[in-house]
């Protein structure tokens, strides 16, 4: 269920300023979004896996907090990020 190194590297390259820019809010949100997608698919396949369900809820809450911060920080960049990740309409 963990993200592969290739997936992580591609997301960092796409959303970060450089290859080592893992602390950027955009990168963290993108990584959490990818992990949420994988956990969602896993929870649909294994509905009794409560540990994965709990991890999914924690990640969704963490991403929500980061998104709220990023929206306050830079609204236009937030809107572009939501569009790039396909999170909302």
PDB file of N, CA and C in Angstrom:
ATOM      1  N   UNK A   1       0.807  -1.198   0.000  1.00  0.00           N
ATOM      2  CA  UNK A   1       0.000   0.000   0.000  1.00  0.00           C
ATOM      3  C   UNK A   1       0.848   1.259   0.000  1.00  0.00           C
ATOM      4  N   UNK A   2       2.125   1.110   0.267  1.00  0.00           N
ATOM      5  CA  UNK A   2       2.993   2.284   0.252  1.00  0.00           C
ATOM      6  C   UNK A   2       3.251   2.719  -1.183  1.00  0.00           C
ATOM      7  N   UNK A   3       3.505   3.980  -1.346  1.00  0.00           N
ATOM      8  CA  UNK A   3       3.806   4.505  -2.673  1.00  0.00           C
ATOM      9  C   UNK A   3       5.168   4.009  -3.126  1.00  0.00           C
ATOM     10  N   UNK A   4       5.292   3.727  -4.401  1.00  0.00           N
ATOM     11  CA  UNK A   4       6.577   3.288  -4.925  1.00  0.00           C
ATOM     12  C   UNK A   4       7.518   4.476  -5.051  1.00  0.00           C
ATOM     13  N   UNK A   5       8.797   4.182  -5.156  1.00  0.00           N
ATOM     14  CA  UNK A   5       9.788   5.249  -5.278  1.00  0.00           C
ATOM     15  C   UNK A   5       9.595   6.026  -6.574  1.00  0.00           C
ATOM     16  N   UNK A   6       9.193   5.329  -7.631  1.00  0.00           N
ATOM     17  CA  UNK A   6       8.989   5.984  -8.916  1.00  0.00           C
ATOM     18  C   UNK A   6       7.806   6.953  -8.859  1.00  0.00           C
ATOM     19  N   UNK A   7       6.720   6.519  -8.235  1.00  0.00           N
ATOM     20  CA  UNK A   7       5.546   7.378  -8.101  1.00  0.00           C
ATOM     21  C   UNK A   7       5.872   8.610  -7.265  1.00  0.00           C
ATOM     22  N   UNK A   8       6.557   8.377  -6.160  1.00  0.00           N
ATOM     23  CA  UNK A   8       6.937   9.479  -5.286  1.00  0.00           C
ATOM     24  C   UNK A   8       7.835  10.463  -6.015  1.00  0.00           C
ATOM     25  N   UNK A   9       8.828   9.941  -6.726  1.00  0.00           N
ATOM     26  CA  UNK A   9       9.763  10.806  -7.442  1.00  0.00           C
ATOM     27  C   UNK A   9       9.055  11.605  -8.530  1.00  0.00           C
ATOM     28  N   UNK A  10       8.117  10.979  -9.227  1.00  0.00           N
ATOM     29  CA  UNK A  10       7.413  11.703 -10.285  1.00  0.00           C
ATOM     30  C   UNK A  10       6.528  12.811  -9.717  1.00  0.00           C
ATOM     31  N   UNK A  11       5.872  12.558  -8.590  1.00  0.00           N
ATOM     32  CA  UNK A  11       5.045  13.591  -7.960  1.00  0.00           C
ATOM     33  C   UNK A  11       5.896  14.738  -7.426  1.00  0.00           C
ATOM     34  N   UNK A  12       7.055  14.404  -6.861  1.00  0.00           N
ATOM     35  CA  UNK A  12       7.954  15.451  -6.361  1.00  0.00           C
ATOM     36  C   UNK A  12       8.467  16.294  -7.527  1.00  0.00           C
ATOM     37  N   UNK A  13       8.794  15.636  -8.636  1.00  0.00           N
ATOM     38  CA  UNK A  13       9.290  16.370  -9.800  1.00  0.00           C
ATOM     39  C   UNK A  13       8.207  17.271 -10.390  1.00  0.00           C
ATOM     40  N   UNK A  14       6.963  16.799 -10.354  1.00  0.00           N
ATOM     41  CA  UNK A  14       5.870  17.569 -10.949  1.00  0.00           C
ATOM     42  C   UNK A  14       5.452  18.766 -10.087  1.00  0.00           C
ATOM     43  N   UNK A  15       5.357  18.564  -8.769  1.00  0.00           N
ATOM     44  CA  UNK A  15       4.808  19.599  -7.901  1.00  0.00           C
ATOM     45  C   UNK A  15       5.859  20.345  -7.079  1.00  0.00           C
ATOM     46  N   UNK A  16       7.070  19.830  -6.992  1.00  0.00           N
ATOM     47  CA  UNK A  16       8.101  20.470  -6.184  1.00  0.00           C
ATOM     48  C   UNK A  16       8.949  21.432  -6.983  1.00  0.00           C
ATOM     49  N   UNK A  17       9.721  22.229  -6.272  1.00  0.00           N
ATOM     50  CA  UNK A  17      10.627  23.180  -6.923  1.00  0.00           C
ATOM     51  C   UNK A  17      11.858  22.465  -7.467  1.00  0.00           C
ATOM     52  N   UNK A  18      12.297  21.392  -6.766  1.00  0.00           N
ATOM     53  CA  UNK A  18      13.406  20.567  -7.238  1.00  0.00           C
ATOM     54  C   UNK A  18      13.179  19.139  -6.763  1.00  0.00           C
ATOM     55  N   UNK A  19      14.167  18.257  -7.004  1.00  0.00           N
ATOM     56  CA  UNK A  19      13.986  16.843  -6.671  1.00  0.00           C
ATOM     57  C   UNK A  19      14.004  16.546  -5.176  1.00  0.00           C
ATOM     58  N   UNK A  20      14.529  17.449  -4.386  1.00  0.00           N
ATOM     59  CA  UNK A  20      14.621  17.236  -2.937  1.00  0.00           C
ATOM     60  C   UNK A  20      13.545  18.011  -2.175  1.00  0.00           C
ATOM     61  N   UNK A  21      12.622  18.627  -2.866  1.00  0.00           N
ATOM     62  CA  UNK A  21      11.620  19.506  -2.256  1.00  0.00           C
ATOM     63  C   UNK A  21      10.414  18.702  -1.782  1.00  0.00           C
ATOM     64  N   UNK A  22      10.593  17.930  -0.701  1.00  0.00           N
ATOM     65  CA  UNK A  22       9.502  17.100  -0.207  1.00  0.00           C
ATOM     66  C   UNK A  22       8.665  17.797   0.859  1.00  0.00           C
ATOM     67  N   UNK A  23       9.128  18.909   1.399  1.00  0.00           N
ATOM     68  CA  UNK A  23       8.400  19.599   2.447  1.00  0.00           C
ATOM     69  C   UNK A  23       7.394  20.613   1.947  1.00  0.00           C
ATOM     70  N   UNK A  24       7.394  20.853   0.653  1.00  0.00           N
ATOM     71  CA  UNK A  24       6.477  21.811   0.052  1.00  0.00           C
ATOM     72  C   UNK A  24       5.038  21.330   0.258  1.00  0.00           C
ATOM     73  N   UNK A  25       4.130  22.234   0.535  1.00  0.00           N
ATOM     74  CA  UNK A  25       2.729  21.866   0.761  1.00  0.00           C
ATOM     75  C   UNK A  25       2.119  21.195  -0.457  1.00  0.00           C
ATOM     76  N   UNK A  26       2.452  21.699  -1.640  1.00  0.00           N
ATOM     77  CA  UNK A  26       1.907  21.103  -2.861  1.00  0.00           C
ATOM     78  C   UNK A  26       2.340  19.648  -2.995  1.00  0.00           C
ATOM     79  N   UNK A  27       3.588  19.374  -2.698  1.00  0.00           N
ATOM     80  CA  UNK A  27       4.111  18.005  -2.805  1.00  0.00           C
ATOM     81  C   UNK A  27       3.441  17.106  -1.774  1.00  0.00           C
ATOM     82  N   UNK A  28       3.310  17.586  -0.550  1.00  0.00           N
ATOM     83  CA  UNK A  28       2.683  16.784   0.493  1.00  0.00           C
ATOM     84  C   UNK A  28       1.232  16.473   0.150  1.00  0.00           C
ATOM     85  N   UNK A  29       0.513  17.444  -0.385  1.00  0.00           N
ATOM     86  CA  UNK A  29      -0.884  17.228  -0.768  1.00  0.00           C
ATOM     87  C   UNK A  29      -0.970  16.223  -1.909  1.00  0.00           C
ATOM     88  N   UNK A  30      -0.072  16.327  -2.884  1.00  0.00           N
ATOM     89  CA  UNK A  30      -0.077  15.395  -4.008  1.00  0.00           C
ATOM     90  C   UNK A  30       0.237  13.973  -3.551  1.00  0.00           C
ATOM     91  N   UNK A  31       1.207  13.821  -2.652  1.00  0.00           N
ATOM     92  CA  UNK A  31       1.553  12.496  -2.138  1.00  0.00           C
ATOM     93  C   UNK A  31       0.400  11.904  -1.329  1.00  0.00           C
ATOM     94  N   UNK A  32      -0.226  12.721  -0.502  1.00  0.00           N
ATOM     95  CA  UNK A  32      -1.377  12.239   0.264  1.00  0.00           C
ATOM     96  C   UNK A  32      -2.532  11.850  -0.647  1.00  0.00           C
ATOM     97  N   UNK A  33      -2.746  12.607  -1.703  1.00  0.00           N
ATOM     98  CA  UNK A  33      -3.824  12.295  -2.636  1.00  0.00           C
ATOM     99  C   UNK A  33      -3.585  10.946  -3.298  1.00  0.00           C
ATOM    100  N   UNK A  34      -2.361  10.683  -3.688  1.00  0.00           N
ATOM    101  CA  UNK A  34      -2.040   9.400  -4.317  1.00  0.00           C
ATOM    102  C   UNK A  34      -2.219   8.254  -3.323  1.00  0.00           C
ATOM    103  N   UNK A  35      -1.792   8.466  -2.086  1.00  0.00           N
ATOM    104  CA  UNK A  35      -1.958   7.435  -1.053  1.00  0.00           C
ATOM    105  C   UNK A  35      -3.439   7.207  -0.757  1.00  0.00           C
ATOM    106  N   UNK A  36      -4.229   8.271  -0.750  1.00  0.00           N
ATOM    107  CA  UNK A  36      -5.672   8.142  -0.508  1.00  0.00           C
ATOM    108  C   UNK A  36      -6.329   7.331  -1.615  1.00  0.00           C
ATOM    109  N   UNK A  37      -5.904   7.549  -2.855  1.00  0.00           N
ATOM    110  CA  UNK A  37      -6.454   6.769  -3.968  1.00  0.00           C
ATOM    111  C   UNK A  37      -6.157   5.286  -3.801  1.00  0.00           C
ATOM    112  N   UNK A  38      -4.927   4.955  -3.409  1.00  0.00           N
ATOM    113  CA  UNK A  38      -4.558   3.555  -3.219  1.00  0.00           C
ATOM    114  C   UNK A  38      -5.311   2.937  -2.044  1.00  0.00           C
ATOM    115  N   UNK A  39      -5.421   3.675  -0.936  1.00  0.00           N
ATOM    116  CA  UNK A  39      -6.139   3.157   0.224  1.00  0.00           C
ATOM    117  C   UNK A  39      -7.627   2.990  -0.060  1.00  0.00           C
ATOM    118  N   UNK A  40      -8.189   3.877  -0.859  1.00  0.00           N
ATOM    119  CA  UNK A  40      -9.601   3.757  -1.216  1.00  0.00           C
ATOM    120  C   UNK A  40      -9.855   2.476  -1.998  1.00  0.00           C
ATOM    121  N   UNK A  41      -8.992   2.194  -2.959  1.00  0.00           N
ATOM    122  CA  UNK A  41      -9.126   0.958  -3.741  1.00  0.00           C
ATOM    123  C   UNK A  41      -8.954  -0.257  -2.841  1.00  0.00           C
ATOM    124  N   UNK A  42      -8.008  -0.208  -1.910  1.00  0.00           N
ATOM    125  CA  UNK A  42      -7.781  -1.326  -0.996  1.00  0.00           C
ATOM    126  C   UNK A  42      -8.995  -1.540  -0.087  1.00  0.00           C
ATOM    127  N   UNK A  43      -9.556  -0.450   0.428  1.00  0.00           N
ATOM    128  CA  UNK A  43     -10.703  -0.574   1.332  1.00  0.00           C
ATOM    129  C   UNK A  43     -11.944  -1.088   0.611  1.00  0.00           C
ATOM    130  N   UNK A  44     -12.059  -0.814  -0.675  1.00  0.00           N
ATOM    131  CA  UNK A  44     -13.179  -1.364  -1.442  1.00  0.00           C
ATOM    132  C   UNK A  44     -13.002  -2.865  -1.646  1.00  0.00           C
ATOM    133  N   UNK A  45     -11.764  -3.303  -1.823  1.00  0.00           N
ATOM    134  CA  UNK A  45     -11.494  -4.720  -2.035  1.00  0.00           C
ATOM    135  C   UNK A  45     -11.559  -5.504  -0.725  1.00  0.00           C
ATOM    136  N   UNK A  46     -11.152  -4.886   0.377  1.00  0.00           N
ATOM    137  CA  UNK A  46     -11.113  -5.549   1.675  1.00  0.00           C
ATOM    138  C   UNK A  46     -11.876  -4.709   2.704  1.00  0.00           C
ATOM    139  N   UNK A  47     -13.209  -4.790   2.712  1.00  0.00           N
ATOM    140  CA  UNK A  47     -13.996  -3.901   3.568  1.00  0.00           C
ATOM    141  C   UNK A  47     -13.818  -4.142   5.069  1.00  0.00           C
ATOM    142  N   UNK A  48     -13.308  -5.306   5.485  1.00  0.00           N
ATOM    143  CA  UNK A  48     -13.145  -5.575   6.915  1.00  0.00           C
ATOM    144  C   UNK A  48     -11.786  -5.155   7.446  1.00  0.00           C
ATOM    145  N   UNK A  49     -10.945  -4.583   6.616  1.00  0.00           N
ATOM    146  CA  UNK A  49      -9.623  -4.129   7.041  1.00  0.00           C
ATOM    147  C   UNK A  49      -9.773  -2.775   7.730  1.00  0.00           C
ATOM    148  N   UNK A  50      -9.972  -2.830   9.045  1.00  0.00           N
ATOM    149  CA  UNK A  50     -10.230  -1.594   9.794  1.00  0.00           C
ATOM    150  C   UNK A  50      -8.983  -0.734   9.925  1.00  0.00           C
ATOM    151  N   UNK A  51      -7.802  -1.346   9.933  1.00  0.00           N
ATOM    152  CA  UNK A  51      -6.578  -0.556  10.035  1.00  0.00           C
ATOM    153  C   UNK A  51      -6.389   0.319   8.796  1.00  0.00           C
ATOM    154  N   UNK A  52      -6.679  -0.221   7.643  1.00  0.00           N
ATOM    155  CA  UNK A  52      -6.562   0.559   6.412  1.00  0.00           C
ATOM    156  C   UNK A  52      -7.630   1.651   6.374  1.00  0.00           C
ATOM    157  N   UNK A  53      -8.812   1.349   6.859  1.00  0.00           N
ATOM    158  CA  UNK A  53      -9.880   2.353   6.887  1.00  0.00           C
ATOM    159  C   UNK A  53      -9.507   3.517   7.800  1.00  0.00           C
ATOM    160  N   UNK A  54      -8.904   3.188   8.931  1.00  0.00           N
ATOM    161  CA  UNK A  54      -8.479   4.230   9.859  1.00  0.00           C
ATOM    162  C   UNK A  54      -7.357   5.069   9.259  1.00  0.00           C
ATOM    163  N   UNK A  55      -6.416   4.412   8.594  1.00  0.00           N
ATOM    164  CA  UNK A  55      -5.326   5.140   7.933  1.00  0.00           C
ATOM    165  C   UNK A  55      -5.877   6.058   6.849  1.00  0.00           C
ATOM    166  N   UNK A  56      -6.890   5.588   6.138  1.00  0.00           N
ATOM    167  CA  UNK A  56      -7.518   6.405   5.102  1.00  0.00           C
ATOM    168  C   UNK A  56      -8.139   7.663   5.710  1.00  0.00           C
ATOM    169  N   UNK A  57      -8.866   7.499   6.796  1.00  0.00           N
ATOM    170  CA  UNK A  57      -9.502   8.652   7.442  1.00  0.00           C
ATOM    171  C   UNK A  57      -8.463   9.634   7.978  1.00  0.00           C
ATOM    172  N   UNK A  58      -7.368   9.124   8.529  1.00  0.00           N
ATOM    173  CA  UNK A  58      -6.311  10.005   9.028  1.00  0.00           C
ATOM    174  C   UNK A  58      -5.673  10.782   7.885  1.00  0.00           C
ATOM    175  N   UNK A  59      -5.435  10.106   6.762  1.00  0.00           N
ATOM    176  CA  UNK A  59      -4.813  10.783   5.624  1.00  0.00           C
ATOM    177  C   UNK A  59      -5.737  11.836   5.021  1.00  0.00           C
ATOM    178  N   UNK A  60      -7.023  11.535   4.970  1.00  0.00           N
ATOM    179  CA  UNK A  60      -7.986  12.508   4.443  1.00  0.00           C
ATOM    180  C   UNK A  60      -8.020  13.744   5.341  1.00  0.00           C
ATOM    181  N   UNK A  61      -8.003  13.543   6.651  1.00  0.00           N
ATOM    182  CA  UNK A  61      -7.983  14.669   7.573  1.00  0.00           C
ATOM    183  C   UNK A  61      -6.707  15.488   7.469  1.00  0.00           C
ATOM    184  N   UNK A  62      -5.589  14.800   7.307  1.00  0.00           N
ATOM    185  CA  UNK A  62      -4.306  15.491   7.160  1.00  0.00           C
ATOM    186  C   UNK A  62      -4.289  16.315   5.874  1.00  0.00           C
ATOM    187  N   UNK A  63      -4.773  15.721   4.791  1.00  0.00           N
ATOM    188  CA  UNK A  63      -4.817  16.452   3.522  1.00  0.00           C
ATOM    189  C   UNK A  63      -5.755  17.652   3.621  1.00  0.00           C
ATOM    190  N   UNK A  64      -6.876  17.497   4.319  1.00  0.00           N
ATOM    191  CA  UNK A  64      -7.821  18.599   4.471  1.00  0.00           C
ATOM    192  C   UNK A  64      -7.166  19.772   5.196  1.00  0.00           C
ATOM    193  N   UNK A  65      -6.387  19.481   6.234  1.00  0.00           N
ATOM    194  CA  UNK A  65      -5.701  20.540   6.976  1.00  0.00           C
ATOM    195  C   UNK A  65      -4.665  21.242   6.096  1.00  0.00           C
ATOM    196  N   UNK A  66      -3.915  20.459   5.327  1.00  0.00           N
ATOM    197  CA  UNK A  66      -2.919  21.056   4.434  1.00  0.00           C
ATOM    198  C   UNK A  66      -3.584  21.900   3.350  1.00  0.00           C
ATOM    199  N   UNK A  67      -4.707  21.417   2.834  1.00  0.00           N
ATOM    200  CA  UNK A  67      -5.424  22.165   1.794  1.00  0.00           C
ATOM    201  C   UNK A  67      -5.957  23.478   2.362  1.00  0.00           C
ATOM    202  N   UNK A  68      -6.452  23.447   3.578  1.00  0.00           N
ATOM    203  CA  UNK A  68      -6.967  24.654   4.214  1.00  0.00           C
ATOM    204  C   UNK A  68      -5.845  25.678   4.393  1.00  0.00           C
ATOM    205  N   UNK A  69      -4.674  25.204   4.828  1.00  0.00           N
ATOM    206  CA  UNK A  69      -3.514  26.086   4.971  1.00  0.00           C
ATOM    207  C   UNK A  69      -3.108  26.668   3.624  1.00  0.00           C
ATOM    208  N   UNK A  70      -3.056  25.821   2.600  1.00  0.00           N
ATOM    209  CA  UNK A  70      -2.607  26.273   1.289  1.00  0.00           C
ATOM    210  C   UNK A  70      -3.596  27.249   0.671  1.00  0.00           C
ATOM    211  N   UNK A  71      -4.868  27.066   0.955  1.00  0.00           N
ATOM    212  CA  UNK A  71      -5.888  27.991   0.463  1.00  0.00           C
ATOM    213  C   UNK A  71      -5.713  29.369   1.087  1.00  0.00           C
ATOM    214  N   UNK A  72      -5.402  29.406   2.397  1.00  0.00           N
ATOM    215  CA  UNK A  72      -5.156  30.690   3.051  1.00  0.00           C
ATOM    216  C   UNK A  72      -3.888  31.340   2.523  1.00  0.00           C
ATOM    217  N   UNK A  73      -2.879  30.547   2.260  1.00  0.00           N
ATOM    218  CA  UNK A  73      -1.574  31.059   1.864  1.00  0.00           C
ATOM    219  C   UNK A  73      -1.593  31.659   0.462  1.00  0.00           C
ATOM    220  N   UNK A  74      -2.141  30.922  -0.518  1.00  0.00           N
ATOM    221  CA  UNK A  74      -2.120  31.365  -1.911  1.00  0.00           C
ATOM    222  C   UNK A  74      -3.334  30.782  -2.632  1.00  0.00           C
ATOM    223  N   UNK A  75      -4.377  31.594  -2.786  1.00  0.00           N
ATOM    224  CA  UNK A  75      -5.647  31.109  -3.312  1.00  0.00           C
ATOM    225  C   UNK A  75      -5.546  30.652  -4.760  1.00  0.00           C
ATOM    226  N   UNK A  76      -4.851  31.394  -5.602  1.00  0.00           N
ATOM    227  CA  UNK A  76      -4.754  31.021  -7.016  1.00  0.00           C
ATOM    228  C   UNK A  76      -3.963  29.721  -7.200  1.00  0.00           C
ATOM    229  N   UNK A  77      -2.887  29.577  -6.454  1.00  0.00           N
ATOM    230  CA  UNK A  77      -2.106  28.339  -6.532  1.00  0.00           C
ATOM    231  C   UNK A  77      -2.919  27.162  -5.997  1.00  0.00           C
ATOM    232  N   UNK A  78      -3.742  27.416  -4.975  1.00  0.00           N
ATOM    233  CA  UNK A  78      -4.630  26.388  -4.440  1.00  0.00           C
ATOM    234  C   UNK A  78      -5.619  25.919  -5.502  1.00  0.00           C
ATOM    235  N   UNK A  79      -6.218  26.862  -6.198  1.00  0.00           N
ATOM    236  CA  UNK A  79      -7.185  26.506  -7.250  1.00  0.00           C
ATOM    237  C   UNK A  79      -6.518  25.705  -8.369  1.00  0.00           C
ATOM    238  N   UNK A  80      -5.289  26.093  -8.720  1.00  0.00           N
ATOM    239  CA  UNK A  80      -4.564  25.358  -9.761  1.00  0.00           C
ATOM    240  C   UNK A  80      -4.220  23.947  -9.286  1.00  0.00           C
ATOM    241  N   UNK A  81      -3.851  23.803  -8.032  1.00  0.00           N
ATOM    242  CA  UNK A  81      -3.523  22.488  -7.479  1.00  0.00           C
ATOM    243  C   UNK A  81      -4.750  21.585  -7.471  1.00  0.00           C
ATOM    244  N   UNK A  82      -5.893  22.118  -7.075  1.00  0.00           N
ATOM    245  CA  UNK A  82      -7.126  21.338  -7.070  1.00  0.00           C
ATOM    246  C   UNK A  82      -7.455  20.894  -8.498  1.00  0.00           C
ATOM    247  N   UNK A  83      -7.247  21.760  -9.443  1.00  0.00           N
ATOM    248  CA  UNK A  83      -7.505  21.433 -10.844  1.00  0.00           C
ATOM    249  C   UNK A  83      -6.539  20.353 -11.337  1.00  0.00           C
ATOM    250  N   UNK A  84      -5.249  20.483 -10.983  1.00  0.00           N
ATOM    251  CA  UNK A  84      -4.243  19.517 -11.421  1.00  0.00           C
ATOM    252  C   UNK A  84      -4.489  18.125 -10.827  1.00  0.00           C
ATOM    253  N   UNK A  85      -4.898  18.096  -9.555  1.00  0.00           N
ATOM    254  CA  UNK A  85      -5.121  16.812  -8.899  1.00  0.00           C
ATOM    255  C   UNK A  85      -6.517  16.246  -9.171  1.00  0.00           C
ATOM    256  N   UNK A  86      -7.421  17.074  -9.691  1.00  0.00           N
ATOM    257  CA  UNK A  86      -8.768  16.608  -9.997  1.00  0.00           C
ATOM    258  C   UNK A  86      -9.569  16.305  -8.740  1.00  0.00           C
ATOM    259  N   UNK A  87      -9.448  17.159  -7.734  1.00  0.00           N
ATOM    260  CA  UNK A  87     -10.129  16.894  -6.469  1.00  0.00           C
ATOM    261  C   UNK A  87     -11.562  17.372  -6.450  1.00  0.00           C
ATOM    262  N   UNK A  88     -11.820  18.509  -7.055  1.00  0.00           N
ATOM    263  CA  UNK A  88     -13.173  19.056  -7.053  1.00  0.00           C
ATOM    264  C   UNK A  88     -13.568  19.441  -8.462  1.00  0.00           C
ATOM    265  N   UNK A  89     -14.755  20.001  -8.591  1.00  0.00           N
ATOM    266  CA  UNK A  89     -15.258  20.379  -9.915  1.00  0.00           C
ATOM    267  C   UNK A  89     -14.382  21.379 -10.615  1.00  0.00           C
TER     268      UNK A  89
END
